[in-house]
């Protein structure tokens, strides 16, 4: 798409002569998204899965159709694997305070990278403090990449969770996620992938990557 086509898709860019550079925090919504939200509130707004009346049934159908579309978008095996949260931050907190708090013990280890967004950092700091497990960081080299030796040094037989960003929102680094996932699984750890920055820009196949959890926000 050229610049003019992009501008035409976003009403705020048509209405205001600005260059918007804060998409890492809040993304602007294209016309297609705004119209879809408007249509839902005008035509289908009701409690999904909570009523037997026709409008609630239609809202449930729309809700489940969306789940199936997302599953198809990331090539998830089952639509039931898709969990709706308010945003990626809530998704990480949900995993950390449910799975993390339930599964981790004092001798266990969590591994993240030094480039993580706070939403994939603070929950693990709190979980490690409450459970007594160790939180370890993978560091980057001069090319802002996580070298193979760092992966193998930090992910050990004690590692139970590896939570890693696919693309850094600060550095723009594209991590070798498949290598990290494969190695973590060899060590018996589960892998949580932060795809908030990558999913708008590249095709992601969760079955091919074989990650255990993946979180991303609406784009």
N, C-alpha and C. Protein backbone atom coordinates (compact mmCIF):
# COMPACT_ATOMS: atom_id res chain seq x y z
N UNK A 1 0.83 -1.19 0.00
CA UNK A 1 0.00 0.00 0.00
C UNK A 1 0.87 1.24 0.00
N UNK A 2 0.46 2.24 -0.76
CA UNK A 2 1.19 3.50 -0.74
C UNK A 2 0.64 4.40 0.37
N UNK A 3 1.29 5.53 0.57
CA UNK A 3 0.93 6.42 1.68
C UNK A 3 -0.51 6.90 1.57
N UNK A 4 -0.94 7.24 0.36
CA UNK A 4 -2.29 7.75 0.18
C UNK A 4 -3.34 6.70 0.53
N UNK A 5 -3.09 5.44 0.16
CA UNK A 5 -4.02 4.36 0.47
C UNK A 5 -4.11 4.13 1.97
N UNK A 6 -2.96 4.21 2.66
CA UNK A 6 -2.95 4.03 4.12
C UNK A 6 -3.75 5.16 4.78
N UNK A 7 -3.51 6.38 4.37
CA UNK A 7 -4.22 7.53 4.94
C UNK A 7 -5.73 7.39 4.74
N UNK A 8 -6.13 6.92 3.56
CA UNK A 8 -7.56 6.78 3.27
C UNK A 8 -8.22 5.72 4.14
N UNK A 9 -7.45 4.77 4.64
CA UNK A 9 -8.01 3.72 5.50
C UNK A 9 -8.22 4.17 6.93
N UNK A 10 -7.56 5.27 7.33
CA UNK A 10 -7.62 5.71 8.72
C UNK A 10 -8.25 7.10 8.82
N UNK A 11 -9.48 7.18 9.33
CA UNK A 11 -10.17 8.47 9.41
C UNK A 11 -9.38 9.54 10.16
N UNK A 12 -8.69 9.15 11.24
CA UNK A 12 -7.97 10.16 12.02
C UNK A 12 -6.86 10.80 11.20
N UNK A 13 -6.27 10.03 10.28
CA UNK A 13 -5.22 10.58 9.42
C UNK A 13 -5.80 11.44 8.31
N UNK A 14 -7.04 11.17 7.95
CA UNK A 14 -7.73 12.02 6.97
C UNK A 14 -8.17 13.33 7.61
N UNK A 15 -8.57 13.23 8.88
CA UNK A 15 -9.15 14.40 9.56
C UNK A 15 -8.11 15.31 10.19
N UNK A 16 -6.91 14.76 10.44
CA UNK A 16 -5.86 15.55 11.08
C UNK A 16 -4.55 15.36 10.33
N UNK A 17 -3.87 16.41 10.05
CA UNK A 17 -2.60 16.35 9.32
C UNK A 17 -1.47 16.05 10.31
N UNK A 18 -1.34 14.77 10.65
CA UNK A 18 -0.35 14.36 11.64
C UNK A 18 0.42 13.14 11.15
N UNK A 19 1.59 12.94 11.71
CA UNK A 19 2.33 11.70 11.55
C UNK A 19 2.28 11.00 12.91
N UNK A 20 1.60 9.87 12.96
CA UNK A 20 1.37 9.20 14.23
C UNK A 20 2.45 8.15 14.46
N UNK A 21 3.21 8.28 15.56
CA UNK A 21 4.36 7.42 15.82
C UNK A 21 4.24 6.64 17.13
N UNK A 22 3.03 6.54 17.67
CA UNK A 22 2.87 5.90 18.98
C UNK A 22 2.04 4.61 18.89
N UNK A 23 2.13 3.90 17.77
CA UNK A 23 1.34 2.68 17.59
C UNK A 23 1.76 1.57 18.54
N UNK A 24 2.99 1.63 19.06
CA UNK A 24 3.43 0.65 20.03
C UNK A 24 2.61 0.71 21.31
N UNK A 25 1.99 1.86 21.58
CA UNK A 25 1.18 2.03 22.78
C UNK A 25 -0.31 1.95 22.46
N UNK A 26 -0.75 2.70 21.46
CA UNK A 26 -2.15 2.69 21.04
C UNK A 26 -2.22 2.77 19.53
N UNK A 27 -2.85 1.78 18.91
CA UNK A 27 -2.97 1.78 17.45
C UNK A 27 -4.23 2.53 17.03
N UNK A 28 -4.12 3.25 15.94
CA UNK A 28 -5.30 3.87 15.35
C UNK A 28 -6.12 2.81 14.61
N UNK A 29 -7.42 3.03 14.51
CA UNK A 29 -8.31 2.03 13.94
C UNK A 29 -8.71 2.41 12.51
N UNK A 30 -8.57 1.47 11.56
CA UNK A 30 -8.98 1.74 10.18
C UNK A 30 -10.50 1.74 10.06
N UNK A 31 -10.99 2.27 8.97
CA UNK A 31 -12.42 2.39 8.74
C UNK A 31 -13.13 1.04 8.87
N UNK A 32 -12.50 -0.01 8.36
CA UNK A 32 -13.13 -1.34 8.38
C UNK A 32 -13.42 -1.79 9.81
N UNK A 33 -12.49 -1.52 10.73
CA UNK A 33 -12.68 -1.91 12.13
C UNK A 33 -13.77 -1.06 12.78
N UNK A 34 -13.71 0.23 12.54
CA UNK A 34 -14.71 1.13 13.12
C UNK A 34 -16.11 0.77 12.64
N UNK A 35 -16.24 0.43 11.37
CA UNK A 35 -17.55 0.07 10.83
C UNK A 35 -18.04 -1.26 11.40
N UNK A 36 -17.13 -2.20 11.61
CA UNK A 36 -17.52 -3.49 12.19
C UNK A 36 -18.00 -3.32 13.62
N UNK A 37 -17.30 -2.48 14.40
CA UNK A 37 -17.72 -2.22 15.79
C UNK A 37 -19.08 -1.52 15.80
N UNK A 38 -19.23 -0.56 14.92
CA UNK A 38 -20.50 0.18 14.84
C UNK A 38 -21.64 -0.76 14.47
N UNK A 39 -21.40 -1.65 13.50
CA UNK A 39 -22.43 -2.60 13.09
C UNK A 39 -22.83 -3.52 14.24
N UNK A 40 -21.83 -3.99 15.01
CA UNK A 40 -22.15 -4.88 16.13
C UNK A 40 -23.04 -4.17 17.14
N UNK A 41 -22.69 -2.95 17.52
CA UNK A 41 -23.47 -2.26 18.54
C UNK A 41 -24.85 -1.86 18.03
N UNK A 42 -24.97 -1.65 16.73
CA UNK A 42 -26.27 -1.29 16.17
C UNK A 42 -27.16 -2.49 15.90
N UNK A 43 -26.56 -3.68 15.68
CA UNK A 43 -27.34 -4.82 15.22
C UNK A 43 -27.32 -6.04 16.14
N UNK A 44 -26.24 -6.24 16.92
CA UNK A 44 -26.08 -7.52 17.63
C UNK A 44 -25.75 -7.39 19.12
N UNK A 45 -25.70 -6.21 19.65
CA UNK A 45 -25.20 -6.02 21.01
C UNK A 45 -26.09 -6.70 22.05
N UNK A 46 -25.54 -7.75 22.68
CA UNK A 46 -26.21 -8.47 23.76
C UNK A 46 -25.17 -9.37 24.42
N UNK A 47 -25.54 -10.03 25.53
CA UNK A 47 -24.63 -10.92 26.23
C UNK A 47 -24.45 -12.23 25.46
N UNK A 48 -23.24 -12.54 24.98
CA UNK A 48 -23.03 -13.86 24.38
C UNK A 48 -22.99 -14.95 25.45
N UNK A 49 -23.52 -16.12 25.11
CA UNK A 49 -23.51 -17.28 26.01
C UNK A 49 -24.31 -17.06 27.29
N UNK A 50 -25.13 -16.05 27.35
CA UNK A 50 -25.81 -15.75 28.61
C UNK A 50 -27.33 -15.66 28.46
N UNK A 51 -27.85 -15.84 27.24
CA UNK A 51 -29.30 -15.70 27.06
C UNK A 51 -29.83 -16.67 26.02
N UNK A 52 -31.14 -16.97 26.12
CA UNK A 52 -31.80 -17.86 25.16
C UNK A 52 -32.64 -17.08 24.16
N UNK A 53 -32.66 -15.77 24.28
CA UNK A 53 -33.45 -14.95 23.36
C UNK A 53 -32.66 -14.72 22.07
N UNK A 54 -33.32 -14.34 21.01
CA UNK A 54 -32.73 -14.32 19.67
C UNK A 54 -31.52 -13.40 19.56
N UNK A 55 -31.57 -12.22 20.18
CA UNK A 55 -30.46 -11.29 20.06
C UNK A 55 -29.20 -11.83 20.75
N UNK A 56 -29.37 -12.47 21.90
CA UNK A 56 -28.24 -13.06 22.59
C UNK A 56 -27.65 -14.21 21.78
N UNK A 57 -28.51 -14.99 21.14
CA UNK A 57 -28.03 -16.10 20.30
C UNK A 57 -27.23 -15.55 19.12
N UNK A 58 -27.70 -14.47 18.50
CA UNK A 58 -26.97 -13.86 17.39
C UNK A 58 -25.64 -13.29 17.86
N UNK A 59 -25.62 -12.67 19.04
CA UNK A 59 -24.36 -12.14 19.58
C UNK A 59 -23.38 -13.28 19.84
N UNK A 60 -23.88 -14.41 20.35
CA UNK A 60 -23.04 -15.59 20.58
C UNK A 60 -22.45 -16.09 19.27
N UNK A 61 -23.26 -16.13 18.23
CA UNK A 61 -22.77 -16.59 16.92
C UNK A 61 -21.66 -15.68 16.40
N UNK A 62 -21.84 -14.37 16.54
CA UNK A 62 -20.81 -13.42 16.10
C UNK A 62 -19.53 -13.60 16.92
N UNK A 63 -19.71 -13.80 18.20
CA UNK A 63 -18.58 -14.00 19.13
C UNK A 63 -17.77 -15.22 18.71
N UNK A 64 -18.46 -16.34 18.46
CA UNK A 64 -17.78 -17.58 18.10
C UNK A 64 -17.22 -17.54 16.68
N UNK A 65 -17.88 -16.82 15.78
CA UNK A 65 -17.34 -16.64 14.44
C UNK A 65 -16.00 -15.90 14.49
N UNK A 66 -15.91 -14.93 15.38
CA UNK A 66 -14.67 -14.18 15.54
C UNK A 66 -13.57 -15.08 16.08
N UNK A 67 -13.91 -15.93 17.04
CA UNK A 67 -12.93 -16.87 17.59
C UNK A 67 -12.39 -17.78 16.49
N UNK A 68 -13.27 -18.25 15.61
CA UNK A 68 -12.86 -19.13 14.51
C UNK A 68 -11.97 -18.38 13.51
N UNK A 69 -12.29 -17.12 13.25
CA UNK A 69 -11.47 -16.32 12.33
C UNK A 69 -10.06 -16.13 12.87
N UNK A 70 -9.95 -15.86 14.17
CA UNK A 70 -8.64 -15.68 14.79
C UNK A 70 -7.86 -17.00 14.75
N UNK A 71 -8.55 -18.10 15.05
CA UNK A 71 -7.90 -19.42 15.00
C UNK A 71 -7.36 -19.69 13.60
N UNK A 72 -8.13 -19.36 12.59
CA UNK A 72 -7.69 -19.54 11.21
C UNK A 72 -6.52 -18.61 10.89
N UNK A 73 -6.57 -17.40 11.42
CA UNK A 73 -5.54 -16.39 11.15
C UNK A 73 -4.16 -16.83 11.65
N UNK A 74 -4.13 -17.49 12.80
CA UNK A 74 -2.85 -17.93 13.36
C UNK A 74 -2.63 -19.44 13.20
N UNK A 75 -3.54 -20.09 12.48
CA UNK A 75 -3.50 -21.54 12.24
C UNK A 75 -3.51 -22.33 13.55
N UNK A 76 -4.37 -21.91 14.45
CA UNK A 76 -4.58 -22.68 15.68
C UNK A 76 -5.35 -23.95 15.34
N UNK A 77 -5.06 -25.02 16.04
CA UNK A 77 -5.70 -26.31 15.74
C UNK A 77 -7.19 -26.28 16.06
N UNK A 78 -7.58 -25.62 17.15
CA UNK A 78 -8.97 -25.57 17.57
C UNK A 78 -9.35 -24.15 17.94
N UNK A 79 -10.56 -23.74 17.60
CA UNK A 79 -11.01 -22.39 17.94
C UNK A 79 -11.13 -22.22 19.45
N UNK A 80 -11.34 -23.34 20.18
CA UNK A 80 -11.45 -23.27 21.64
C UNK A 80 -10.14 -22.85 22.30
N UNK A 81 -9.05 -22.89 21.57
CA UNK A 81 -7.76 -22.45 22.11
C UNK A 81 -7.66 -20.94 22.20
N UNK A 82 -8.58 -20.23 21.55
CA UNK A 82 -8.54 -18.76 21.53
C UNK A 82 -9.25 -18.22 22.77
N UNK A 83 -8.52 -17.45 23.59
CA UNK A 83 -9.07 -16.85 24.80
C UNK A 83 -9.08 -15.33 24.64
N UNK A 84 -10.23 -14.73 24.84
CA UNK A 84 -10.34 -13.28 24.72
C UNK A 84 -10.01 -12.61 26.05
N UNK A 85 -9.09 -11.64 26.01
CA UNK A 85 -8.79 -10.79 27.16
C UNK A 85 -8.89 -9.33 26.71
N UNK A 86 -8.76 -8.42 27.65
CA UNK A 86 -8.86 -7.00 27.27
C UNK A 86 -7.70 -6.56 26.40
N UNK A 87 -6.52 -7.13 26.65
CA UNK A 87 -5.32 -6.76 25.90
C UNK A 87 -4.22 -7.78 26.21
N UNK A 88 -3.06 -7.58 25.60
CA UNK A 88 -1.95 -8.52 25.81
C UNK A 88 -1.46 -8.48 27.26
N UNK A 89 -1.48 -7.31 27.87
CA UNK A 89 -1.04 -7.18 29.27
C UNK A 89 -1.88 -8.07 30.17
N UNK A 90 -3.20 -8.04 29.99
CA UNK A 90 -4.06 -8.90 30.80
C UNK A 90 -3.79 -10.37 30.50
N UNK A 91 -3.48 -10.69 29.25
CA UNK A 91 -3.19 -12.08 28.89
C UNK A 91 -1.96 -12.59 29.63
N UNK A 92 -0.90 -11.80 29.68
CA UNK A 92 0.31 -12.22 30.41
C UNK A 92 0.04 -12.36 31.90
N UNK A 93 -0.72 -11.44 32.44
CA UNK A 93 -1.07 -11.53 33.86
C UNK A 93 -1.91 -12.78 34.14
N UNK A 94 -2.82 -13.10 33.24
CA UNK A 94 -3.65 -14.29 33.41
C UNK A 94 -2.80 -15.56 33.44
N UNK A 95 -1.84 -15.66 32.51
CA UNK A 95 -0.96 -16.82 32.48
C UNK A 95 -0.07 -16.87 33.73
N UNK A 96 0.49 -15.71 34.07
CA UNK A 96 1.42 -15.66 35.20
C UNK A 96 0.75 -16.03 36.51
N UNK A 97 -0.46 -15.49 36.76
CA UNK A 97 -1.10 -15.69 38.06
C UNK A 97 -1.96 -16.95 38.13
N UNK A 98 -2.17 -17.61 37.00
CA UNK A 98 -2.87 -18.89 37.03
C UNK A 98 -1.85 -20.01 36.85
N UNK A 99 -1.35 -20.18 35.67
CA UNK A 99 -0.38 -21.25 35.40
C UNK A 99 0.90 -21.07 36.22
N UNK A 100 1.45 -19.86 36.21
CA UNK A 100 2.71 -19.62 36.91
C UNK A 100 2.63 -19.87 38.40
N UNK A 101 1.64 -19.31 39.04
CA UNK A 101 1.50 -19.46 40.49
C UNK A 101 1.18 -20.90 40.88
N UNK A 102 0.51 -21.63 39.99
CA UNK A 102 0.12 -23.01 40.27
C UNK A 102 1.28 -23.98 40.08
N UNK A 103 2.11 -23.74 39.06
CA UNK A 103 3.10 -24.74 38.65
C UNK A 103 4.50 -24.52 39.23
N UNK A 104 4.85 -23.29 39.57
CA UNK A 104 6.23 -22.99 39.94
C UNK A 104 6.52 -23.25 41.41
N UNK A 105 7.73 -23.76 41.66
CA UNK A 105 8.20 -24.01 43.02
C UNK A 105 9.54 -23.30 43.23
N UNK A 106 10.03 -23.33 44.45
CA UNK A 106 11.21 -22.56 44.83
C UNK A 106 12.43 -22.88 43.97
N UNK A 107 12.65 -24.14 43.61
CA UNK A 107 13.84 -24.53 42.86
C UNK A 107 13.70 -24.31 41.35
N UNK A 108 12.54 -23.86 40.90
CA UNK A 108 12.30 -23.67 39.47
C UNK A 108 12.84 -22.33 38.98
N UNK A 109 12.88 -22.19 37.64
CA UNK A 109 13.38 -20.96 37.02
C UNK A 109 12.45 -20.48 35.91
N UNK A 110 12.33 -19.17 35.81
CA UNK A 110 11.65 -18.50 34.70
C UNK A 110 12.71 -17.77 33.89
N UNK A 111 12.62 -17.85 32.57
CA UNK A 111 13.58 -17.16 31.71
C UNK A 111 12.83 -16.20 30.79
N UNK A 112 13.25 -14.95 30.81
CA UNK A 112 12.75 -13.96 29.85
C UNK A 112 13.98 -13.27 29.24
N UNK A 113 13.75 -12.33 28.34
CA UNK A 113 14.88 -11.59 27.78
C UNK A 113 14.93 -10.20 28.37
N UNK A 114 16.07 -9.56 28.22
CA UNK A 114 16.27 -8.22 28.75
C UNK A 114 15.49 -7.17 27.96
N UNK A 115 14.96 -7.57 26.78
CA UNK A 115 14.26 -6.63 25.91
C UNK A 115 12.74 -6.66 26.08
N UNK A 116 12.25 -7.35 27.12
CA UNK A 116 10.80 -7.52 27.25
C UNK A 116 10.07 -6.23 27.60
N UNK A 117 8.87 -6.11 27.06
CA UNK A 117 7.94 -5.05 27.45
C UNK A 117 7.54 -5.28 28.91
N UNK A 118 7.19 -4.24 29.62
CA UNK A 118 6.84 -4.38 31.04
C UNK A 118 5.70 -5.37 31.28
N UNK A 119 4.81 -5.52 30.30
CA UNK A 119 3.69 -6.45 30.48
C UNK A 119 4.17 -7.90 30.51
N UNK A 120 5.36 -8.15 29.97
CA UNK A 120 5.94 -9.49 30.01
C UNK A 120 7.16 -9.55 30.94
N UNK A 121 7.24 -8.57 31.82
CA UNK A 121 8.34 -8.50 32.78
C UNK A 121 7.80 -8.46 34.22
N UNK A 122 6.97 -7.46 34.50
CA UNK A 122 6.49 -7.25 35.86
C UNK A 122 5.72 -8.45 36.42
N UNK A 123 4.82 -9.10 35.65
CA UNK A 123 4.12 -10.27 36.21
C UNK A 123 5.08 -11.37 36.65
N UNK A 124 6.15 -11.60 35.90
CA UNK A 124 7.11 -12.65 36.25
C UNK A 124 7.97 -12.25 37.45
N UNK A 125 8.25 -10.97 37.58
CA UNK A 125 8.95 -10.50 38.78
C UNK A 125 8.11 -10.77 40.03
N UNK A 126 6.82 -10.51 39.93
CA UNK A 126 5.94 -10.72 41.08
C UNK A 126 5.75 -12.21 41.37
N UNK A 127 5.61 -13.01 40.31
CA UNK A 127 5.43 -14.45 40.50
C UNK A 127 6.68 -15.07 41.13
N UNK A 128 7.85 -14.65 40.65
CA UNK A 128 9.09 -15.19 41.20
C UNK A 128 9.25 -14.81 42.68
N UNK A 129 8.81 -13.60 43.02
CA UNK A 129 8.90 -13.16 44.41
C UNK A 129 7.96 -13.97 45.30
N UNK A 130 6.76 -14.26 44.81
CA UNK A 130 5.77 -14.97 45.61
C UNK A 130 6.07 -16.46 45.73
N UNK A 131 6.62 -17.05 44.66
CA UNK A 131 6.86 -18.50 44.68
C UNK A 131 8.27 -18.85 45.15
N UNK A 132 9.16 -17.85 45.11
CA UNK A 132 10.55 -18.11 45.50
C UNK A 132 11.40 -18.67 44.37
N UNK A 133 10.83 -18.82 43.17
CA UNK A 133 11.60 -19.33 42.04
C UNK A 133 12.52 -18.22 41.51
N UNK A 134 13.44 -18.61 40.65
CA UNK A 134 14.44 -17.67 40.15
C UNK A 134 14.03 -17.12 38.79
N UNK A 135 14.20 -15.81 38.62
CA UNK A 135 13.93 -15.16 37.34
C UNK A 135 15.25 -14.83 36.66
N UNK A 136 15.46 -15.35 35.46
CA UNK A 136 16.71 -15.15 34.73
C UNK A 136 16.45 -14.39 33.43
N UNK A 137 17.46 -13.62 33.03
CA UNK A 137 17.34 -12.78 31.83
C UNK A 137 18.34 -13.22 30.76
N UNK A 138 17.86 -13.34 29.53
CA UNK A 138 18.77 -13.55 28.40
C UNK A 138 19.19 -12.18 27.88
N UNK A 139 20.49 -11.98 27.74
CA UNK A 139 21.03 -10.68 27.32
C UNK A 139 21.35 -10.67 25.82
N UNK A 140 21.50 -9.49 25.29
CA UNK A 140 21.71 -9.33 23.84
C UNK A 140 23.17 -8.99 23.54
N UNK A 141 23.56 -9.22 22.29
CA UNK A 141 24.91 -8.88 21.85
C UNK A 141 24.94 -7.49 21.22
N UNK A 142 26.03 -7.16 20.57
CA UNK A 142 26.18 -5.82 19.98
C UNK A 142 25.24 -5.59 18.81
N UNK A 143 24.67 -6.66 18.27
CA UNK A 143 23.70 -6.54 17.18
C UNK A 143 22.27 -6.56 17.70
N UNK A 144 22.12 -6.41 19.01
CA UNK A 144 20.81 -6.40 19.68
C UNK A 144 20.06 -7.71 19.49
N UNK A 145 20.80 -8.81 19.38
CA UNK A 145 20.21 -10.14 19.22
C UNK A 145 20.59 -11.02 20.41
N UNK A 146 19.76 -12.02 20.66
CA UNK A 146 20.08 -12.99 21.71
C UNK A 146 20.91 -14.10 21.07
N UNK A 147 22.20 -14.20 21.40
CA UNK A 147 23.05 -15.22 20.77
C UNK A 147 22.70 -16.63 21.25
N UNK A 148 23.05 -17.61 20.44
CA UNK A 148 22.74 -19.00 20.75
C UNK A 148 23.33 -19.43 22.09
N UNK A 149 24.56 -18.98 22.39
CA UNK A 149 25.19 -19.37 23.64
C UNK A 149 24.46 -18.82 24.85
N UNK A 150 23.81 -17.66 24.70
CA UNK A 150 23.03 -17.09 25.80
C UNK A 150 21.76 -17.91 26.03
N UNK A 151 21.14 -18.35 24.96
CA UNK A 151 19.95 -19.19 25.06
C UNK A 151 20.28 -20.47 25.83
N UNK A 152 21.39 -21.12 25.45
CA UNK A 152 21.76 -22.39 26.07
C UNK A 152 22.29 -22.22 27.49
N UNK A 153 22.83 -21.06 27.78
CA UNK A 153 23.34 -20.81 29.13
C UNK A 153 22.21 -20.53 30.12
N UNK A 154 21.16 -19.86 29.66
CA UNK A 154 20.10 -19.42 30.58
C UNK A 154 18.95 -20.43 30.68
N UNK A 155 18.64 -21.14 29.61
CA UNK A 155 17.57 -22.14 29.65
C UNK A 155 18.18 -23.47 30.05
N UNK A 156 17.83 -23.95 31.23
CA UNK A 156 18.45 -25.16 31.79
C UNK A 156 17.37 -26.18 32.16
N UNK A 157 17.80 -27.26 32.76
CA UNK A 157 16.86 -28.29 33.21
C UNK A 157 15.94 -27.79 34.32
N UNK A 158 16.31 -26.68 34.96
CA UNK A 158 15.48 -26.10 36.01
C UNK A 158 14.43 -25.13 35.46
N UNK A 159 14.57 -24.77 34.19
CA UNK A 159 13.66 -23.81 33.57
C UNK A 159 12.29 -24.44 33.36
N UNK A 160 11.25 -23.77 33.85
CA UNK A 160 9.88 -24.25 33.67
C UNK A 160 9.08 -23.37 32.71
N UNK A 161 9.44 -22.08 32.65
CA UNK A 161 8.73 -21.15 31.78
C UNK A 161 9.74 -20.26 31.06
N UNK A 162 9.57 -20.14 29.75
CA UNK A 162 10.31 -19.16 28.95
C UNK A 162 9.27 -18.24 28.33
N UNK A 163 9.35 -16.95 28.63
CA UNK A 163 8.39 -15.98 28.10
C UNK A 163 9.18 -14.94 27.32
N UNK A 164 8.94 -14.85 26.03
CA UNK A 164 9.84 -14.10 25.15
C UNK A 164 9.06 -13.32 24.10
N UNK A 165 9.55 -12.13 23.79
CA UNK A 165 8.95 -11.33 22.73
C UNK A 165 9.42 -11.83 21.37
N UNK A 166 8.52 -11.81 20.41
CA UNK A 166 8.87 -12.18 19.04
C UNK A 166 9.66 -11.04 18.38
N UNK A 167 9.11 -9.82 18.50
CA UNK A 167 9.76 -8.62 17.97
C UNK A 167 9.79 -7.57 19.07
N UNK A 168 10.96 -7.01 19.31
CA UNK A 168 11.09 -5.99 20.36
C UNK A 168 10.43 -4.69 19.94
N UNK A 169 9.61 -4.13 20.82
CA UNK A 169 8.97 -2.85 20.51
C UNK A 169 9.94 -1.68 20.62
N UNK A 170 11.09 -1.90 21.23
CA UNK A 170 12.10 -0.83 21.38
C UNK A 170 13.20 -0.96 20.33
N UNK A 171 13.72 -2.17 20.16
CA UNK A 171 14.88 -2.38 19.29
C UNK A 171 14.50 -2.76 17.86
N UNK A 172 13.31 -3.32 17.69
CA UNK A 172 12.93 -3.83 16.39
C UNK A 172 13.55 -5.19 16.08
N UNK A 173 14.24 -5.77 17.05
CA UNK A 173 14.88 -7.07 16.87
C UNK A 173 13.83 -8.15 16.65
N UNK A 174 14.06 -8.99 15.63
CA UNK A 174 13.22 -10.16 15.40
C UNK A 174 13.95 -11.37 15.97
N UNK A 175 13.46 -11.88 17.08
CA UNK A 175 14.13 -12.99 17.73
C UNK A 175 13.94 -14.30 16.98
N UNK A 176 14.93 -15.17 17.10
CA UNK A 176 14.84 -16.50 16.50
C UNK A 176 13.96 -17.37 17.40
N UNK A 177 12.67 -17.16 17.27
CA UNK A 177 11.71 -17.77 18.18
C UNK A 177 11.70 -19.29 18.06
N UNK A 178 11.76 -19.78 16.85
CA UNK A 178 11.70 -21.24 16.65
C UNK A 178 12.86 -21.94 17.36
N UNK A 179 14.06 -21.36 17.29
CA UNK A 179 15.21 -21.92 17.98
C UNK A 179 15.00 -21.94 19.49
N UNK A 180 14.48 -20.84 20.02
CA UNK A 180 14.25 -20.72 21.46
C UNK A 180 13.18 -21.71 21.91
N UNK A 181 12.09 -21.81 21.15
CA UNK A 181 11.01 -22.73 21.51
C UNK A 181 11.50 -24.17 21.50
N UNK A 182 12.19 -24.55 20.44
CA UNK A 182 12.67 -25.93 20.33
C UNK A 182 13.62 -26.29 21.48
N UNK A 183 14.53 -25.36 21.80
CA UNK A 183 15.49 -25.64 22.86
C UNK A 183 14.81 -25.69 24.22
N UNK A 184 13.86 -24.79 24.45
CA UNK A 184 13.14 -24.77 25.72
C UNK A 184 12.35 -26.07 25.91
N UNK A 185 11.73 -26.54 24.86
CA UNK A 185 10.97 -27.79 24.95
C UNK A 185 11.88 -28.98 25.23
N UNK A 186 13.09 -28.96 24.69
CA UNK A 186 14.05 -30.04 24.98
C UNK A 186 14.38 -30.08 26.46
N UNK A 187 14.34 -28.90 27.09
CA UNK A 187 14.64 -28.81 28.52
C UNK A 187 13.39 -28.99 29.39
N UNK A 188 12.26 -29.23 28.76
CA UNK A 188 11.03 -29.48 29.50
C UNK A 188 10.27 -28.25 29.92
N UNK A 189 10.60 -27.08 29.34
CA UNK A 189 9.93 -25.83 29.69
C UNK A 189 8.81 -25.53 28.70
N UNK A 190 7.82 -24.76 29.16
CA UNK A 190 6.79 -24.25 28.25
C UNK A 190 7.21 -22.86 27.78
N UNK A 191 6.70 -22.45 26.62
CA UNK A 191 7.10 -21.16 26.04
C UNK A 191 5.87 -20.29 25.81
N UNK A 192 5.97 -19.05 26.27
CA UNK A 192 4.94 -18.04 26.08
C UNK A 192 5.49 -17.00 25.12
N UNK A 193 4.77 -16.74 24.04
CA UNK A 193 5.25 -15.83 23.00
C UNK A 193 4.48 -14.52 23.03
N UNK A 194 5.20 -13.41 23.11
CA UNK A 194 4.61 -12.08 22.98
C UNK A 194 4.65 -11.70 21.50
N UNK A 195 3.48 -11.76 20.85
CA UNK A 195 3.40 -11.48 19.42
C UNK A 195 2.74 -10.13 19.12
N UNK A 196 2.67 -9.27 20.13
CA UNK A 196 1.98 -7.99 19.95
C UNK A 196 2.58 -7.16 18.83
N UNK A 197 3.92 -7.19 18.71
CA UNK A 197 4.58 -6.36 17.70
C UNK A 197 4.75 -7.09 16.38
N UNK A 198 4.70 -8.40 16.38
CA UNK A 198 4.99 -9.15 15.16
C UNK A 198 3.75 -9.47 14.34
N UNK A 199 2.64 -9.73 15.00
CA UNK A 199 1.48 -10.24 14.28
C UNK A 199 0.90 -9.28 13.24
N UNK A 200 1.05 -7.94 13.39
CA UNK A 200 0.55 -7.06 12.32
C UNK A 200 1.44 -7.08 11.07
N UNK A 201 2.65 -7.63 11.18
CA UNK A 201 3.63 -7.47 10.11
C UNK A 201 4.09 -8.76 9.45
N UNK A 202 3.78 -9.91 10.06
CA UNK A 202 4.25 -11.17 9.48
C UNK A 202 3.26 -12.28 9.76
N UNK A 203 3.28 -13.30 8.91
CA UNK A 203 2.40 -14.45 9.10
C UNK A 203 2.92 -15.30 10.24
N UNK A 204 2.04 -15.64 11.18
CA UNK A 204 2.41 -16.47 12.33
C UNK A 204 1.57 -17.74 12.31
N UNK A 205 2.25 -18.87 12.35
CA UNK A 205 1.61 -20.18 12.38
C UNK A 205 1.96 -20.83 13.72
N UNK A 206 0.99 -20.86 14.63
CA UNK A 206 1.29 -21.35 15.99
C UNK A 206 1.60 -22.85 16.00
N UNK A 207 1.05 -23.60 15.05
CA UNK A 207 1.38 -25.02 14.99
C UNK A 207 2.81 -25.24 14.52
N UNK A 208 3.25 -24.43 13.58
CA UNK A 208 4.63 -24.53 13.11
C UNK A 208 5.62 -24.09 14.19
N UNK A 209 5.30 -23.00 14.88
CA UNK A 209 6.18 -22.51 15.94
C UNK A 209 6.15 -23.46 17.15
N UNK A 210 4.98 -24.03 17.41
CA UNK A 210 4.80 -24.96 18.52
C UNK A 210 4.97 -24.29 19.88
N UNK A 211 4.57 -23.02 19.98
CA UNK A 211 4.59 -22.34 21.29
C UNK A 211 3.41 -22.85 22.11
N UNK A 212 3.50 -22.71 23.42
CA UNK A 212 2.45 -23.20 24.31
C UNK A 212 1.37 -22.16 24.56
N UNK A 213 1.76 -20.91 24.66
CA UNK A 213 0.85 -19.79 24.76
C UNK A 213 1.34 -18.68 23.83
N UNK A 214 0.40 -17.90 23.30
CA UNK A 214 0.80 -16.72 22.53
C UNK A 214 -0.19 -15.61 22.86
N UNK A 215 0.34 -14.42 23.09
CA UNK A 215 -0.50 -13.27 23.42
C UNK A 215 -0.28 -12.16 22.42
N UNK A 216 -1.36 -11.53 22.01
CA UNK A 216 -1.25 -10.34 21.16
C UNK A 216 -2.53 -9.52 21.34
N UNK A 217 -2.43 -8.26 21.01
CA UNK A 217 -3.57 -7.36 21.17
C UNK A 217 -4.18 -7.07 19.81
N UNK A 218 -5.32 -6.41 19.83
CA UNK A 218 -5.99 -6.04 18.58
C UNK A 218 -5.13 -5.07 17.80
N UNK A 219 -5.15 -5.21 16.49
CA UNK A 219 -4.36 -4.32 15.62
C UNK A 219 -5.28 -3.57 14.68
